[in-house]
Amino acid sequence: MSTPAREHTPSRPTWRCRACGIAWPCSAAKLRLLAEYRGNLPGLMIYLVTLREEAIAQLAERDPGTRLPDLHRRFTDWIPARSR
């Protein structure tokens, strides 16, 4: 019997992908989120900004005094601009 594949979701408080171990959202998570929020990019942006703020708080608490990476770029800069 095979082990079910892990989903590309964030592991808190490290904010690394549960499936591939890289910084979340990884490429697979981005593709899944774009498909899930197709037609609702504002909703995707709200969701990711909420998670970004949670990540900032958790990462700062976990390692006080450490400079945080650019989480704006990591969490939201990859979302395509809406076409007009």
PDB file of N, CA and C in Angstrom:
ATOM      1  N   MET A   1       0.850  -1.176   0.000  1.00  0.00           N
ATOM      2  CA  MET A   1       0.000   0.000   0.000  1.00  0.00           C
ATOM      3  C   MET A   1       0.899   1.243   0.000  1.00  0.00           C
ATOM      4  N   SER A   2       0.632   2.190  -0.894  1.00  0.00           N
ATOM      5  CA  SER A   2       1.482   3.375  -0.993  1.00  0.00           C
ATOM      6  C   SER A   2       1.023   4.448  -0.012  1.00  0.00           C
ATOM      7  N   THR A   3       1.980   5.288   0.359  1.00  0.00           N
ATOM      8  CA  THR A   3       1.702   6.405   1.254  1.00  0.00           C
ATOM      9  C   THR A   3       1.090   7.534   0.440  1.00  0.00           C
ATOM     10  N   PRO A   4       0.016   8.173   0.933  1.00  0.00           N
ATOM     11  CA  PRO A   4      -0.574   9.270   0.177  1.00  0.00           C
ATOM     12  C   PRO A   4       0.420  10.431   0.053  1.00  0.00           C
ATOM     13  N   ALA A   5       0.372  11.090  -1.092  1.00  0.00           N
ATOM     14  CA  ALA A   5       1.263  12.227  -1.321  1.00  0.00           C
ATOM     15  C   ALA A   5       0.883  13.369  -0.390  1.00  0.00           C
ATOM     16  N   ARG A   6       1.881  14.057   0.119  1.00  0.00           N
ATOM     17  CA  ARG A   6       1.619  15.217   0.967  1.00  0.00           C
ATOM     18  C   ARG A   6       1.204  16.386   0.092  1.00  0.00           C
ATOM     19  N   GLU A   7       0.327  17.185   0.630  1.00  0.00           N
ATOM     20  CA  GLU A   7      -0.093  18.383  -0.084  1.00  0.00           C
ATOM     21  C   GLU A   7       0.935  19.488   0.115  1.00  0.00           C
ATOM     22  N   HIS A   8       0.990  20.374  -0.828  1.00  0.00           N
ATOM     23  CA  HIS A   8       1.909  21.518  -0.765  1.00  0.00           C
ATOM     24  C   HIS A   8       1.253  22.625   0.055  1.00  0.00           C
ATOM     25  N   THR A   9       1.257  22.419   1.362  1.00  0.00           N
ATOM     26  CA  THR A   9       0.675  23.370   2.304  1.00  0.00           C
ATOM     27  C   THR A   9       1.759  23.832   3.270  1.00  0.00           C
ATOM     28  N   PRO A  10       1.553  24.992   3.917  1.00  0.00           N
ATOM     29  CA  PRO A  10       2.593  25.494   4.808  1.00  0.00           C
ATOM     30  C   PRO A  10       2.657  24.723   6.121  1.00  0.00           C
ATOM     31  N   SER A  11       3.880  24.516   6.578  1.00  0.00           N
ATOM     32  CA  SER A  11       4.108  23.924   7.884  1.00  0.00           C
ATOM     33  C   SER A  11       4.430  25.069   8.834  1.00  0.00           C
ATOM     34  N   ARG A  12       3.550  25.315   9.759  1.00  0.00           N
ATOM     35  CA  ARG A  12       3.754  26.407  10.710  1.00  0.00           C
ATOM     36  C   ARG A  12       4.530  25.904  11.922  1.00  0.00           C
ATOM     37  N   PRO A  13       5.422  26.618  12.496  1.00  0.00           N
ATOM     38  CA  PRO A  13       5.742  28.034  12.319  1.00  0.00           C
ATOM     39  C   PRO A  13       6.916  28.287  11.377  1.00  0.00           C
ATOM     40  N   THR A  14       7.411  27.249  10.654  1.00  0.00           N
ATOM     41  CA  THR A  14       8.572  27.451   9.792  1.00  0.00           C
ATOM     42  C   THR A  14       8.216  28.055   8.440  1.00  0.00           C
ATOM     43  N   TRP A  15       6.971  27.881   8.028  1.00  0.00           N
ATOM     44  CA  TRP A  15       6.481  28.369   6.735  1.00  0.00           C
ATOM     45  C   TRP A  15       7.276  27.771   5.580  1.00  0.00           C
ATOM     46  N   ARG A  16       7.516  26.465   5.712  1.00  0.00           N
ATOM     47  CA  ARG A  16       8.109  25.700   4.627  1.00  0.00           C
ATOM     48  C   ARG A  16       7.039  24.736   4.142  1.00  0.00           C
ATOM     49  N   CYS A  17       7.157  24.299   2.896  1.00  0.00           N
ATOM     50  CA  CYS A  17       6.161  23.401   2.305  1.00  0.00           C
ATOM     51  C   CYS A  17       6.251  22.023   2.949  1.00  0.00           C
ATOM     52  N   ARG A  18       5.092  21.483   3.309  1.00  0.00           N
ATOM     53  CA  ARG A  18       5.047  20.147   3.923  1.00  0.00           C
ATOM     54  C   ARG A  18       5.500  19.065   2.948  1.00  0.00           C
ATOM     55  N   ALA A  19       5.274  19.269   1.659  1.00  0.00           N
ATOM     56  CA  ALA A  19       5.582  18.236   0.674  1.00  0.00           C
ATOM     57  C   ALA A  19       7.026  18.294   0.183  1.00  0.00           C
ATOM     58  N   CYS A  20       7.510  19.485  -0.167  1.00  0.00           N
ATOM     59  CA  CYS A  20       8.835  19.581  -0.790  1.00  0.00           C
ATOM     60  C   CYS A  20       9.879  20.274   0.079  1.00  0.00           C
ATOM     61  N   GLY A  21       9.474  20.910   1.173  1.00  0.00           N
ATOM     62  CA  GLY A  21      10.407  21.477   2.119  1.00  0.00           C
ATOM     63  C   GLY A  21      10.971  22.843   1.784  1.00  0.00           C
ATOM     64  N   ILE A  22      10.590  23.417   0.645  1.00  0.00           N
ATOM     65  CA  ILE A  22      11.106  24.744   0.325  1.00  0.00           C
ATOM     66  C   ILE A  22      10.171  25.811   0.885  1.00  0.00           C
ATOM     67  N   ALA A  23      10.595  27.058   0.795  1.00  0.00           N
ATOM     68  CA  ALA A  23       9.791  28.163   1.325  1.00  0.00           C
ATOM     69  C   ALA A  23       8.404  28.146   0.687  1.00  0.00           C
ATOM     70  N   TRP A  24       7.381  28.250   1.523  1.00  0.00           N
ATOM     71  CA  TRP A  24       5.996  28.241   1.044  1.00  0.00           C
ATOM     72  C   TRP A  24       5.545  29.675   0.803  1.00  0.00           C
ATOM     73  N   PRO A  25       4.807  29.960  -0.265  1.00  0.00           N
ATOM     74  CA  PRO A  25       4.253  29.020  -1.230  1.00  0.00           C
ATOM     75  C   PRO A  25       5.272  28.598  -2.290  1.00  0.00           C
ATOM     76  N   CYS A  26       5.423  27.295  -2.442  1.00  0.00           N
ATOM     77  CA  CYS A  26       6.307  26.724  -3.448  1.00  0.00           C
ATOM     78  C   CYS A  26       5.599  26.801  -4.807  1.00  0.00           C
ATOM     79  N   SER A  27       6.279  26.402  -5.855  1.00  0.00           N
ATOM     80  CA  SER A  27       5.688  26.470  -7.206  1.00  0.00           C
ATOM     81  C   SER A  27       4.404  25.657  -7.312  1.00  0.00           C
ATOM     82  N   ALA A  28       4.405  24.469  -6.725  1.00  0.00           N
ATOM     83  CA  ALA A  28       3.208  23.625  -6.793  1.00  0.00           C
ATOM     84  C   ALA A  28       2.041  24.278  -6.049  1.00  0.00           C
ATOM     85  N   ALA A  29       2.319  24.904  -4.909  1.00  0.00           N
ATOM     86  CA  ALA A  29       1.257  25.580  -4.152  1.00  0.00           C
ATOM     87  C   ALA A  29       0.727  26.770  -4.939  1.00  0.00           C
ATOM     88  N   LYS A  30       1.606  27.513  -5.596  1.00  0.00           N
ATOM     89  CA  LYS A  30       1.173  28.663  -6.403  1.00  0.00           C
ATOM     90  C   LYS A  30       0.244  28.221  -7.527  1.00  0.00           C
ATOM     91  N   LEU A  31       0.609  27.146  -8.211  1.00  0.00           N
ATOM     92  CA  LEU A  31      -0.245  26.645  -9.287  1.00  0.00           C
ATOM     93  C   LEU A  31      -1.608  26.207  -8.755  1.00  0.00           C
ATOM     94  N   ARG A  32      -1.602  25.513  -7.616  1.00  0.00           N
ATOM     95  CA  ARG A  32      -2.868  25.067  -7.017  1.00  0.00           C
ATOM     96  C   ARG A  32      -3.730  26.258  -6.617  1.00  0.00           C
ATOM     97  N   LEU A  33      -3.106  27.271  -5.998  1.00  0.00           N
ATOM     98  CA  LEU A  33      -3.853  28.451  -5.564  1.00  0.00           C
ATOM     99  C   LEU A  33      -4.416  29.228  -6.748  1.00  0.00           C
ATOM    100  N   LEU A  34      -3.632  29.369  -7.815  1.00  0.00           N
ATOM    101  CA  LEU A  34      -4.138  30.067  -9.008  1.00  0.00           C
ATOM    102  C   LEU A  34      -5.344  29.340  -9.605  1.00  0.00           C
ATOM    103  N   ALA A  35      -5.291  28.018  -9.621  1.00  0.00           N
ATOM    104  CA  ALA A  35      -6.423  27.246 -10.140  1.00  0.00           C
ATOM    105  C   ALA A  35      -7.626  27.357  -9.214  1.00  0.00           C
ATOM    106  N   GLU A  36      -7.374  27.278  -7.917  1.00  0.00           N
ATOM    107  CA  GLU A  36      -8.456  27.328  -6.932  1.00  0.00           C
ATOM    108  C   GLU A  36      -9.157  28.690  -6.928  1.00  0.00           C
ATOM    109  N   TYR A  37      -8.400  29.750  -7.119  1.00  0.00           N
ATOM    110  CA  TYR A  37      -8.955  31.101  -7.083  1.00  0.00           C
ATOM    111  C   TYR A  37      -9.139  31.691  -8.477  1.00  0.00           C
ATOM    112  N   ARG A  38      -9.221  30.854  -9.483  1.00  0.00           N
ATOM    113  CA  ARG A  38      -9.422  31.327 -10.852  1.00  0.00           C
ATOM    114  C   ARG A  38     -10.673  32.208 -10.884  1.00  0.00           C
ATOM    115  N   GLY A  39     -10.523  33.405 -11.409  1.00  0.00           N
ATOM    116  CA  GLY A  39     -11.650  34.324 -11.472  1.00  0.00           C
ATOM    117  C   GLY A  39     -11.856  35.137 -10.209  1.00  0.00           C
ATOM    118  N   ASN A  40     -11.018  34.916  -9.203  1.00  0.00           N
ATOM    119  CA  ASN A  40     -11.154  35.656  -7.948  1.00  0.00           C
ATOM    120  C   ASN A  40      -9.770  36.034  -7.410  1.00  0.00           C
ATOM    121  N   LEU A  41      -9.003  36.763  -8.218  1.00  0.00           N
ATOM    122  CA  LEU A  41      -7.673  37.168  -7.781  1.00  0.00           C
ATOM    123  C   LEU A  41      -7.701  38.077  -6.551  1.00  0.00           C
ATOM    124  N   PRO A  42      -8.714  38.962  -6.402  1.00  0.00           N
ATOM    125  CA  PRO A  42      -8.769  39.731  -5.152  1.00  0.00           C
ATOM    126  C   PRO A  42      -8.913  38.826  -3.924  1.00  0.00           C
ATOM    127  N   GLY A  43      -9.693  37.779  -4.039  1.00  0.00           N
ATOM    128  CA  GLY A  43      -9.851  36.831  -2.932  1.00  0.00           C
ATOM    129  C   GLY A  43      -8.546  36.118  -2.620  1.00  0.00           C
ATOM    130  N   LEU A  44      -7.799  35.759  -3.667  1.00  0.00           N
ATOM    131  CA  LEU A  44      -6.497  35.124  -3.473  1.00  0.00           C
ATOM    132  C   LEU A  44      -5.543  36.079  -2.779  1.00  0.00           C
ATOM    133  N   MET A  45      -5.556  37.340  -3.182  1.00  0.00           N
ATOM    134  CA  MET A  45      -4.667  38.327  -2.568  1.00  0.00           C
ATOM    135  C   MET A  45      -4.998  38.502  -1.082  1.00  0.00           C
ATOM    136  N   ILE A  46      -6.268  38.582  -0.747  1.00  0.00           N
ATOM    137  CA  ILE A  46      -6.677  38.720   0.660  1.00  0.00           C
ATOM    138  C   ILE A  46      -6.221  37.505   1.461  1.00  0.00           C
ATOM    139  N   TYR A  47      -6.419  36.323   0.906  1.00  0.00           N
ATOM    140  CA  TYR A  47      -6.014  35.094   1.579  1.00  0.00           C
ATOM    141  C   TYR A  47      -4.506  35.089   1.845  1.00  0.00           C
ATOM    142  N   LEU A  48      -3.717  35.436   0.823  1.00  0.00           N
ATOM    143  CA  LEU A  48      -2.267  35.391   0.965  1.00  0.00           C
ATOM    144  C   LEU A  48      -1.719  36.490   1.867  1.00  0.00           C
ATOM    145  N   VAL A  49      -2.333  37.668   1.840  1.00  0.00           N
ATOM    146  CA  VAL A  49      -1.899  38.745   2.736  1.00  0.00           C
ATOM    147  C   VAL A  49      -2.164  38.334   4.184  1.00  0.00           C
ATOM    148  N   THR A  50      -3.282  37.683   4.425  1.00  0.00           N
ATOM    149  CA  THR A  50      -3.601  37.191   5.769  1.00  0.00           C
ATOM    150  C   THR A  50      -2.552  36.178   6.224  1.00  0.00           C
ATOM    151  N   LEU A  51      -2.202  35.246   5.332  1.00  0.00           N
ATOM    152  CA  LEU A  51      -1.179  34.255   5.682  1.00  0.00           C
ATOM    153  C   LEU A  51       0.192  34.911   5.845  1.00  0.00           C
ATOM    154  N   ARG A  52       0.488  35.915   5.022  1.00  0.00           N
ATOM    155  CA  ARG A  52       1.769  36.614   5.136  1.00  0.00           C
ATOM    156  C   ARG A  52       1.917  37.260   6.515  1.00  0.00           C
ATOM    157  N   GLU A  53       0.851  37.906   6.979  1.00  0.00           N
ATOM    158  CA  GLU A  53       0.901  38.547   8.297  1.00  0.00           C
ATOM    159  C   GLU A  53       1.063  37.510   9.403  1.00  0.00           C
ATOM    160  N   GLU A  54       0.420  36.370   9.259  1.00  0.00           N
ATOM    161  CA  GLU A  54       0.583  35.283  10.226  1.00  0.00           C
ATOM    162  C   GLU A  54       2.027  34.779  10.208  1.00  0.00           C
ATOM    163  N   ALA A  55       2.600  34.638   9.018  1.00  0.00           N
ATOM    164  CA  ALA A  55       3.980  34.171   8.884  1.00  0.00           C
ATOM    165  C   ALA A  55       4.948  35.161   9.515  1.00  0.00           C
ATOM    166  N   ILE A  56       4.739  36.450   9.289  1.00  0.00           N
ATOM    167  CA  ILE A  56       5.611  37.468   9.877  1.00  0.00           C
ATOM    168  C   ILE A  56       5.617  37.336  11.398  1.00  0.00           C
ATOM    169  N   ALA A  57       4.431  37.230  11.979  1.00  0.00           N
ATOM    170  CA  ALA A  57       4.329  37.125  13.440  1.00  0.00           C
ATOM    171  C   ALA A  57       4.995  35.851  13.946  1.00  0.00           C
ATOM    172  N   GLN A  58       4.748  34.729  13.291  1.00  0.00           N
ATOM    173  CA  GLN A  58       5.302  33.463  13.765  1.00  0.00           C
ATOM    174  C   GLN A  58       6.811  33.390  13.576  1.00  0.00           C
ATOM    175  N   LEU A  59       7.306  33.870  12.464  1.00  0.00           N
ATOM    176  CA  LEU A  59       8.748  33.830  12.231  1.00  0.00           C
ATOM    177  C   LEU A  59       9.489  34.775  13.169  1.00  0.00           C
ATOM    178  N   ALA A  60       8.907  35.942  13.441  1.00  0.00           N
ATOM    179  CA  ALA A  60       9.531  36.889  14.365  1.00  0.00           C
ATOM    180  C   ALA A  60       9.542  36.330  15.785  1.00  0.00           C
ATOM    181  N   GLU A  61       8.474  35.665  16.174  1.00  0.00           N
ATOM    182  CA  GLU A  61       8.391  35.077  17.517  1.00  0.00           C
ATOM    183  C   GLU A  61       9.371  33.918  17.661  1.00  0.00           C
ATOM    184  N   ARG A  62       9.514  33.174  16.604  1.00  0.00           N
ATOM    185  CA  ARG A  62      10.374  31.989  16.619  1.00  0.00           C
ATOM    186  C   ARG A  62      11.849  32.353  16.727  1.00  0.00           C
ATOM    187  N   ASP A  63      12.230  33.457  16.090  1.00  0.00           N
ATOM    188  CA  ASP A  63      13.636  33.842  16.049  1.00  0.00           C
ATOM    189  C   ASP A  63      13.759  35.353  16.213  1.00  0.00           C
ATOM    190  N   PRO A  64      13.491  35.872  17.427  1.00  0.00           N
ATOM    191  CA  PRO A  64      13.525  37.320  17.648  1.00  0.00           C
ATOM    192  C   PRO A  64      14.884  37.927  17.286  1.00  0.00           C
ATOM    193  N   GLY A  65      14.831  39.123  16.720  1.00  0.00           N
ATOM    194  CA  GLY A  65      16.053  39.820  16.376  1.00  0.00           C
ATOM    195  C   GLY A  65      16.633  39.445  15.028  1.00  0.00           C
ATOM    196  N   THR A  66      16.084  38.419  14.391  1.00  0.00           N
ATOM    197  CA  THR A  66      16.564  38.009  13.084  1.00  0.00           C
ATOM    198  C   THR A  66      15.817  38.798  12.021  1.00  0.00           C
ATOM    199  N   ARG A  67      16.542  39.247  11.032  1.00  0.00           N
ATOM    200  CA  ARG A  67      15.908  39.972   9.926  1.00  0.00           C
ATOM    201  C   ARG A  67      15.064  38.992   9.108  1.00  0.00           C
ATOM    202  N   LEU A  68      13.817  39.360   8.903  1.00  0.00           N
ATOM    203  CA  LEU A  68      12.912  38.488   8.147  1.00  0.00           C
ATOM    204  C   LEU A  68      13.160  38.643   6.650  1.00  0.00           C
ATOM    205  N   PRO A  69      12.953  37.561   5.901  1.00  0.00           N
ATOM    206  CA  PRO A  69      13.070  37.659   4.445  1.00  0.00           C
ATOM    207  C   PRO A  69      11.948  38.533   3.894  1.00  0.00           C
ATOM    208  N   ASP A  70      12.045  38.893   2.636  1.00  0.00           N
ATOM    209  CA  ASP A  70      11.021  39.708   1.984  1.00  0.00           C
ATOM    210  C   ASP A  70       9.765  38.859   1.762  1.00  0.00           C
ATOM    211  N   LEU A  71       8.892  38.865   2.748  1.00  0.00           N
ATOM    212  CA  LEU A  71       7.704  38.020   2.668  1.00  0.00           C
ATOM    213  C   LEU A  71       6.652  38.585   1.723  1.00  0.00           C
ATOM    214  N   HIS A  72       6.674  39.887   1.468  1.00  0.00           N
ATOM    215  CA  HIS A  72       5.736  40.454   0.484  1.00  0.00           C
ATOM    216  C   HIS A  72       6.005  39.817  -0.880  1.00  0.00           C
ATOM    217  N   ARG A  73       7.263  39.807  -1.272  1.00  0.00           N
ATOM    218  CA  ARG A  73       7.630  39.213  -2.565  1.00  0.00           C
ATOM    219  C   ARG A  73       7.270  37.728  -2.588  1.00  0.00           C
ATOM    220  N   ARG A  74       7.581  37.050  -1.536  1.00  0.00           N
ATOM    221  CA  ARG A  74       7.364  35.604  -1.460  1.00  0.00           C
ATOM    222  C   ARG A  74       5.885  35.239  -1.501  1.00  0.00           C
ATOM    223  N   PHE A  75       5.054  35.994  -0.801  1.00  0.00           N
ATOM    224  CA  PHE A  75       3.645  35.627  -0.680  1.00  0.00           C
ATOM    225  C   PHE A  75       2.748  36.215  -1.759  1.00  0.00           C
ATOM    226  N   THR A  76       3.040  37.407  -2.260  1.00  0.00           N
ATOM    227  CA  THR A  76       2.056  38.052  -3.136  1.00  0.00           C
ATOM    228  C   THR A  76       2.582  38.599  -4.458  1.00  0.00           C
ATOM    229  N   ASP A  77       3.859  38.849  -4.607  1.00  0.00           N
ATOM    230  CA  ASP A  77       4.354  39.455  -5.847  1.00  0.00           C
ATOM    231  C   ASP A  77       4.168  38.577  -7.073  1.00  0.00           C
ATOM    232  N   TRP A  78       3.952  37.316  -6.914  1.00  0.00           N
ATOM    233  CA  TRP A  78       3.821  36.407  -8.040  1.00  0.00           C
ATOM    234  C   TRP A  78       2.408  36.355  -8.612  1.00  0.00           C
ATOM    235  N   ILE A  79       1.448  36.973  -7.936  1.00  0.00           N
ATOM    236  CA  ILE A  79       0.064  36.940  -8.413  1.00  0.00           C
ATOM    237  C   ILE A  79      -0.054  37.859  -9.635  1.00  0.00           C
ATOM    238  N   PRO A  80      -0.597  37.339 -10.736  1.00  0.00           N
ATOM    239  CA  PRO A  80      -0.700  38.159 -11.943  1.00  0.00           C
ATOM    240  C   PRO A  80      -1.659  39.337 -11.736  1.00  0.00           C
ATOM    241  N   ALA A  81      -1.343  40.456 -12.369  1.00  0.00           N
ATOM    242  CA  ALA A  81      -2.238  41.605 -12.324  1.00  0.00           C
ATOM    243  C   ALA A  81      -3.481  41.283 -13.144  1.00  0.00           C
ATOM    244  N   ARG A  82      -4.608  41.778 -12.700  1.00  0.00           N
ATOM    245  CA  ARG A  82      -5.851  41.542 -13.444  1.00  0.00           C
ATOM    246  C   ARG A  82      -5.792  42.251 -14.771  1.00  0.00           C
ATOM    247  N   SER A  83      -6.334  41.627 -15.783  1.00  0.00           N
ATOM    248  CA  SER A  83      -6.411  42.298 -17.084  1.00  0.00           C
ATOM    249  C   SER A  83      -7.572  43.279 -17.064  1.00  0.00           C
ATOM    250  N   ARG A  84      -7.405  44.359 -17.790  1.00  0.00           N
ATOM    251  CA  ARG A  84      -8.430  45.411 -17.795  1.00  0.00           C
ATOM    252  C   ARG A  84      -9.371  45.272 -18.949  1.00  0.00           C
TER     253      ARG A  84
END
